[in-house]
Each structure stands twice: as C-alpha cells, then as structure tokens.
Protein backbone atom coordinates (compact mmCIF):
# COMPACT_ATOMS: atom_id res chain seq x y z
CA UNK A 1 2.39 12.76 -1.85
CA UNK A 2 6.03 11.85 -2.37
CA UNK A 3 7.54 9.03 -0.33
CA UNK A 4 11.16 10.06 -0.71
CA UNK A 5 13.21 13.23 -1.00
CA UNK A 6 14.00 14.66 -4.42
CA UNK A 7 17.76 15.18 -4.59
CA UNK A 8 17.76 16.93 -7.99
CA UNK A 9 15.46 18.06 -10.78
CA UNK A 10 13.79 15.32 -12.83
CA UNK A 11 14.90 14.93 -16.44
CA UNK A 12 13.64 11.93 -18.40
CA UNK A 13 14.84 12.84 -21.89
CA UNK A 14 17.10 9.79 -22.04
CA UNK A 15 14.21 7.36 -21.45
CA UNK A 16 11.56 6.02 -23.78
CA UNK A 17 7.86 6.67 -23.29
CA UNK A 18 7.42 3.00 -22.42
CA UNK A 19 10.08 3.17 -19.70
CA UNK A 20 8.55 6.31 -18.24
CA UNK A 21 5.01 4.91 -18.21
CA UNK A 22 6.20 1.71 -16.51
CA UNK A 23 8.14 3.64 -13.88
CA UNK A 24 5.34 6.10 -13.10
CA UNK A 25 2.73 3.38 -12.89
CA UNK A 26 4.77 1.19 -10.55
CA UNK A 27 5.67 4.09 -8.29
CA UNK A 28 2.03 5.23 -8.34
CA UNK A 29 0.90 1.86 -7.04
CA UNK A 30 3.51 2.04 -4.26
CA UNK A 31 2.33 5.49 -3.19
CA UNK A 32 -1.24 4.22 -3.01
CA UNK A 33 -0.06 1.21 -1.00
CA UNK A 34 1.90 3.27 1.53
CA UNK A 35 -0.99 5.69 1.92
CA UNK A 36 -3.33 2.79 2.65
CA UNK A 37 -0.91 1.39 5.24
CA UNK A 38 -1.22 4.57 7.27
CA UNK A 39 -4.71 3.51 8.35
CA UNK A 40 -5.25 -0.08 7.18
CA UNK A 41 -3.38 -3.30 7.96
CA UNK A 42 -1.59 -5.08 5.14
CA UNK A 43 -4.05 -7.99 5.19
CA UNK A 44 -6.99 -5.63 4.69
CA UNK A 45 -5.56 -3.81 1.68
CA UNK A 46 -7.27 -4.87 -1.55
CA UNK A 47 -5.51 -4.84 -4.89
CA UNK A 48 -8.55 -3.39 -6.61
CA UNK A 49 -8.46 -0.41 -4.24
CA UNK A 50 -4.78 0.17 -5.01
CA UNK A 51 -5.49 0.00 -8.73
CA UNK A 52 -8.32 2.50 -8.46
CA UNK A 53 -6.14 4.96 -6.56
CA UNK A 54 -3.21 4.47 -8.93
CA UNK A 55 -5.54 4.65 -11.95
CA UNK A 56 -4.49 1.34 -13.51
CA UNK A 57 -6.46 -1.83 -14.29
CA UNK A 58 -6.28 -4.88 -12.05
CA UNK A 59 -4.68 -7.05 -14.75
CA UNK A 60 -2.01 -4.35 -15.16
CA UNK A 61 -1.13 -4.59 -11.48
CA UNK A 62 0.35 -8.05 -12.00
CA UNK A 63 2.62 -6.72 -14.74
CA UNK A 64 4.29 -4.62 -12.07
CA UNK A 65 3.91 -6.78 -8.98
CA UNK A 66 3.26 -10.54 -9.35
CA UNK A 67 2.18 -10.58 -5.68
CA UNK A 68 0.87 -7.89 -3.37
CA UNK A 69 3.73 -8.55 -0.94
CA UNK A 70 6.23 -7.51 -3.62
CA UNK A 71 5.29 -3.92 -2.86
CA UNK A 72 7.33 -4.27 0.32
CA UNK A 73 10.37 -5.35 -1.68
CA UNK A 74 9.91 -2.45 -4.07
CA UNK A 75 9.74 -0.01 -1.17
CA UNK A 76 12.83 -1.55 0.46
CA UNK A 77 14.74 -1.16 -2.81
CA UNK A 78 13.84 2.51 -3.07
CA UNK A 79 14.64 3.01 0.60
CA UNK A 80 18.10 1.58 -0.02
CA UNK A 81 18.75 4.08 -2.82
CA UNK A 82 17.38 6.91 -0.69
CA UNK A 83 19.67 6.06 2.23
CA UNK A 84 22.72 5.87 -0.04
CA UNK A 85 21.88 9.24 -1.60
CA UNK A 86 21.30 10.78 1.81
CA UNK A 87 24.69 9.57 3.09
CA UNK A 88 26.77 10.03 -0.06
CA UNK A 89 28.70 13.02 1.30
CA UNK A 90 29.39 11.41 4.68
CA UNK A 91 32.57 9.53 5.53
CA UNK A 92 32.15 5.76 4.98
CA UNK A 93 32.23 3.63 8.11
CA UNK A 94 30.76 4.42 11.51
CA UNK A 95 29.52 7.88 10.52
CA UNK A 96 27.26 6.35 7.90
CA UNK A 97 26.12 3.56 10.21
CA UNK A 98 25.06 6.04 12.88
CA UNK A 99 23.37 8.23 10.27
CA UNK A 100 21.47 5.30 8.75
CA UNK A 101 19.88 4.58 12.12
CA UNK A 102 19.21 8.26 12.81
CA UNK A 103 17.61 8.76 9.40
CA UNK A 104 15.45 5.66 9.73
CA UNK A 105 14.40 6.53 13.26
CA UNK A 106 13.30 10.02 12.25
CA UNK A 107 11.31 8.63 9.31
CA UNK A 108 9.72 5.92 11.44
CA UNK A 109 8.43 8.46 13.94
CA UNK A 110 6.07 9.66 11.20
CA UNK A 111 5.45 6.26 9.58
CA UNK A 112 5.40 3.78 12.44
CA UNK A 113 2.81 1.47 10.94
CA UNK A 114 4.72 1.18 7.67
CA UNK A 115 7.92 0.19 9.45
CA UNK A 116 6.11 -2.37 11.59
CA UNK A 117 4.50 -3.94 8.52
CA UNK A 118 7.87 -4.13 6.76
CA UNK A 119 9.43 -5.79 9.82
CA UNK A 120 6.58 -8.30 9.97
CA UNK A 121 6.95 -9.02 6.25
CA UNK A 122 10.68 -9.63 6.50
CA UNK A 123 10.20 -11.87 9.54
CA UNK A 124 7.90 -14.23 7.62
CA UNK A 125 9.51 -14.10 4.17
CA UNK A 126 12.66 -15.29 2.45
CA UNK A 127 13.33 -11.90 0.92
CA UNK A 128 16.36 -13.09 -1.05
CA UNK A 129 14.20 -15.62 -2.86
CA UNK A 130 11.25 -13.25 -3.26
CA UNK A 131 13.47 -10.49 -4.68
CA UNK A 132 14.07 -12.68 -7.73
CA UNK A 133 10.34 -12.59 -8.51
CA UNK A 134 10.15 -8.82 -9.03
CA UNK A 135 11.80 -6.63 -11.67
CA UNK A 136 14.71 -4.58 -10.28
CA UNK A 137 14.55 -0.81 -10.09
CA UNK A 138 14.99 0.84 -13.46
CA UNK A 139 17.04 3.93 -14.20
CA UNK A 140 13.81 5.75 -15.09
CA UNK A 141 12.31 4.91 -11.70
CA UNK A 142 15.35 6.24 -9.87
CA UNK A 143 15.13 9.51 -11.78
CA UNK A 144 11.38 9.88 -11.29
CA UNK A 145 11.64 9.25 -7.56
CA UNK A 146 14.94 10.97 -6.72
CA UNK A 147 15.73 13.22 -9.67
CA UNK A 148 18.82 13.37 -11.88
CA UNK A 149 21.34 13.20 -9.09
CA UNK A 150 24.84 12.76 -10.56
CA UNK A 151 25.77 9.06 -10.77
CA UNK A 152 22.22 8.03 -9.79
CA UNK A 153 22.65 4.79 -11.75
CA UNK A 154 25.51 3.74 -9.47
CA UNK A 155 23.23 3.57 -6.43
CA UNK A 156 21.85 0.03 -6.28
CA UNK A 157 18.56 -1.09 -4.78
CA UNK A 158 20.30 -3.01 -2.02
CA UNK A 159 18.66 -3.36 1.35
CA UNK A 160 19.94 -2.94 4.89
CA UNK A 161 22.39 -5.87 4.98
CA UNK A 162 24.71 -4.84 2.12
CA UNK A 163 24.75 -1.20 3.25
CA UNK A 164 25.71 -2.13 6.81
CA UNK A 165 28.26 -4.73 5.69
CA UNK A 166 30.00 -2.28 3.38
CA UNK A 167 30.33 0.31 6.13
CA UNK A 168 31.45 -2.19 8.77
CA UNK A 169 34.26 -3.17 6.42
CA UNK A 170 35.12 0.48 5.80
CA UNK A 171 35.24 1.08 9.57
CA UNK A 172 37.66 -1.83 9.99
CA UNK A 173 39.88 -0.64 7.14
CA UNK A 174 40.01 2.91 8.54
CA UNK A 175 40.82 1.74 12.06
CA UNK A 176 37.50 2.84 13.58
CA UNK A 177 36.88 -0.80 14.47
CA UNK A 178 39.48 -3.43 15.49
CA UNK A 179 40.84 -5.64 12.71
CA UNK A 180 39.59 -8.64 14.70
CA UNK A 181 35.96 -7.48 14.34
CA UNK A 182 33.73 -10.18 12.86
CA UNK A 183 31.81 -8.50 10.03
CA UNK A 184 29.05 -11.10 10.03
CA UNK A 185 28.57 -11.07 13.81
CA UNK A 186 28.42 -7.28 13.98
CA UNK A 187 26.09 -7.22 10.99
CA UNK A 188 23.68 -9.61 12.75
CA UNK A 189 23.88 -7.52 15.93
CA UNK A 190 23.12 -4.26 14.14
CA UNK A 191 20.31 -5.82 12.10
CA UNK A 192 18.78 -7.15 15.33
CA UNK A 193 18.81 -3.64 16.77
CA UNK A 194 17.42 -2.15 13.55
CA UNK A 195 14.45 -4.52 13.40
CA UNK A 196 14.00 -5.41 17.07
CA UNK A 197 13.98 -2.03 18.77
CA UNK A 198 10.96 -0.66 16.85
CA UNK A 199 8.91 -3.67 17.92
CA UNK A 200 9.65 -2.86 21.55
CA UNK A 201 9.10 0.88 21.59
CA UNK A 202 7.33 2.29 18.52
CA UNK A 203 3.87 2.03 20.00
CA UNK A 204 4.89 3.79 23.20
CA UNK A 205 3.71 7.42 23.34
CA UNK A 206 6.31 10.18 22.92
CA UNK A 207 9.08 7.69 22.16
CA UNK A 208 12.01 8.71 19.98
CA UNK A 209 13.20 5.70 18.01
CA UNK A 210 16.23 7.60 16.71
CA UNK A 211 17.17 8.47 20.29
CA UNK A 212 16.94 4.85 21.41
CA UNK A 213 18.85 3.73 18.33
CA UNK A 214 21.68 6.10 19.24
CA UNK A 215 21.85 4.91 22.85
CA UNK A 216 21.98 1.25 21.82
CA UNK A 217 24.54 1.88 19.08
CA UNK A 218 26.80 3.66 21.56
CA UNK A 219 26.72 0.55 23.74
CA UNK A 220 27.90 -1.53 20.77
CA UNK A 221 30.10 0.76 18.67
CA UNK A 222 32.66 3.49 19.37
CA UNK A 223 31.73 6.99 18.30
CA UNK A 224 32.53 7.86 14.67
CA UNK A 225 35.92 9.35 13.86
CA UNK A 226 35.89 13.12 13.36
CA UNK A 227 38.16 12.86 10.35
CA UNK A 228 36.63 14.12 7.11
CA UNK A 229 35.64 11.89 4.21
C-alpha cells in the first residue's frame, strides 16, 4: 500500500545502502501507522505492533522516531512534498490555493480518520518545537516515496502554513489579491477553514469536504485568474 502518488520511476543509484535502508524502514513504519489509523485510534496504537508490521525491532523504532507522535510530523512533511509536486505545473497564487484544498478534500474523503487524528495532534502540540526533534526528510526518502521527479530535492518538507503563505504572496504580486491584503490574517483565515471544516462535516454521511472547501473559499477569495503560469 502506497500512501502517496509516484510521480516518476524510482532510481536510488546515487544513494548509499545505509541511506536506502534508513529511508525504507522509516517509510515502512509510517505505512504501518497509517494503516492502523484506518481502524484504531491513535491512543490505542502500540509501537510493538507497528514494529512487527514494518519488520523492525522496537529499539530500532526510536532511531527513526523518538516519540510515536513524530509519525504525524513525518506524514505532514511528506504531504507537503506531495502537494508541491501535484501543483508544480499550476500557476502560483489562487489557482494553487484552490487546488490544495480540492486535493486535500478528495484525499480526506477516503482517509477521514487520518485527517481527524492529524488535526487533533496539531491542536494539542507545538509542532514547530516538535519538528526539531525528528530528522528531516532525506533525498533518498523523497525518491523512494515519489520517484526521481526532476528537481525533487528542491521540494521541501514544509507544511500547510508556508505553502499557503507563499501562494498568498504570489496572488498579491500578480494582482489576484489587493496589495492591501494582510498575508498573516488571510493565512490564519485559510488555516482555520482547512482544519476547522473537517471537524464540522467529515463524519456526516455523503458529505464532500472538497465541495464545502470550494464554497467557503469562494466566500473568502476571488476566483483564480485564467492566465497561464
């Protein structure tokens, strides 16, 4: 089971055996973790069960993740790379903002419990501080997960905030948003929608999160410019 889309073929010739083993083991633990979250709450997931599924020893687990909660940070980092790869051919600014919400909403419709657990984690955790406790994504991990996409190393493991902020600024520079737009205020508004809306509607039957995202965004933002990238 792969968690993310492969954007190109995988080629690891430029990486050492040690780098490859580390990357595969860490990603293997994450896949086991996400699979568990489909049916079990975060609190009920046991590290020894993850290790058995990922075929590593319990002591080895702590070489990859000092704390169980760091698996959320690792997932968020990979998600950030995935979103950037998915949107790389789209025009920066509002087009990418709308697509980020659409892409996340579509994914959440199949992985509602995972998104809810991530939201709960971020609500109770200083993620900026916690991110310093876990090793950043390696180049080998990016290639194993996403393939040898050109310039894969340039896509950082940033989360939602930096991606939104960058595209808000691009929208202001291109004239899609007024020059008087407060980047920080709009960022907080969009982040509130991103994290708040799923809490309200994800457990409702036959609910399209991406559809609700679009309706709310249209009440906050103008439609994207039709000009090409």
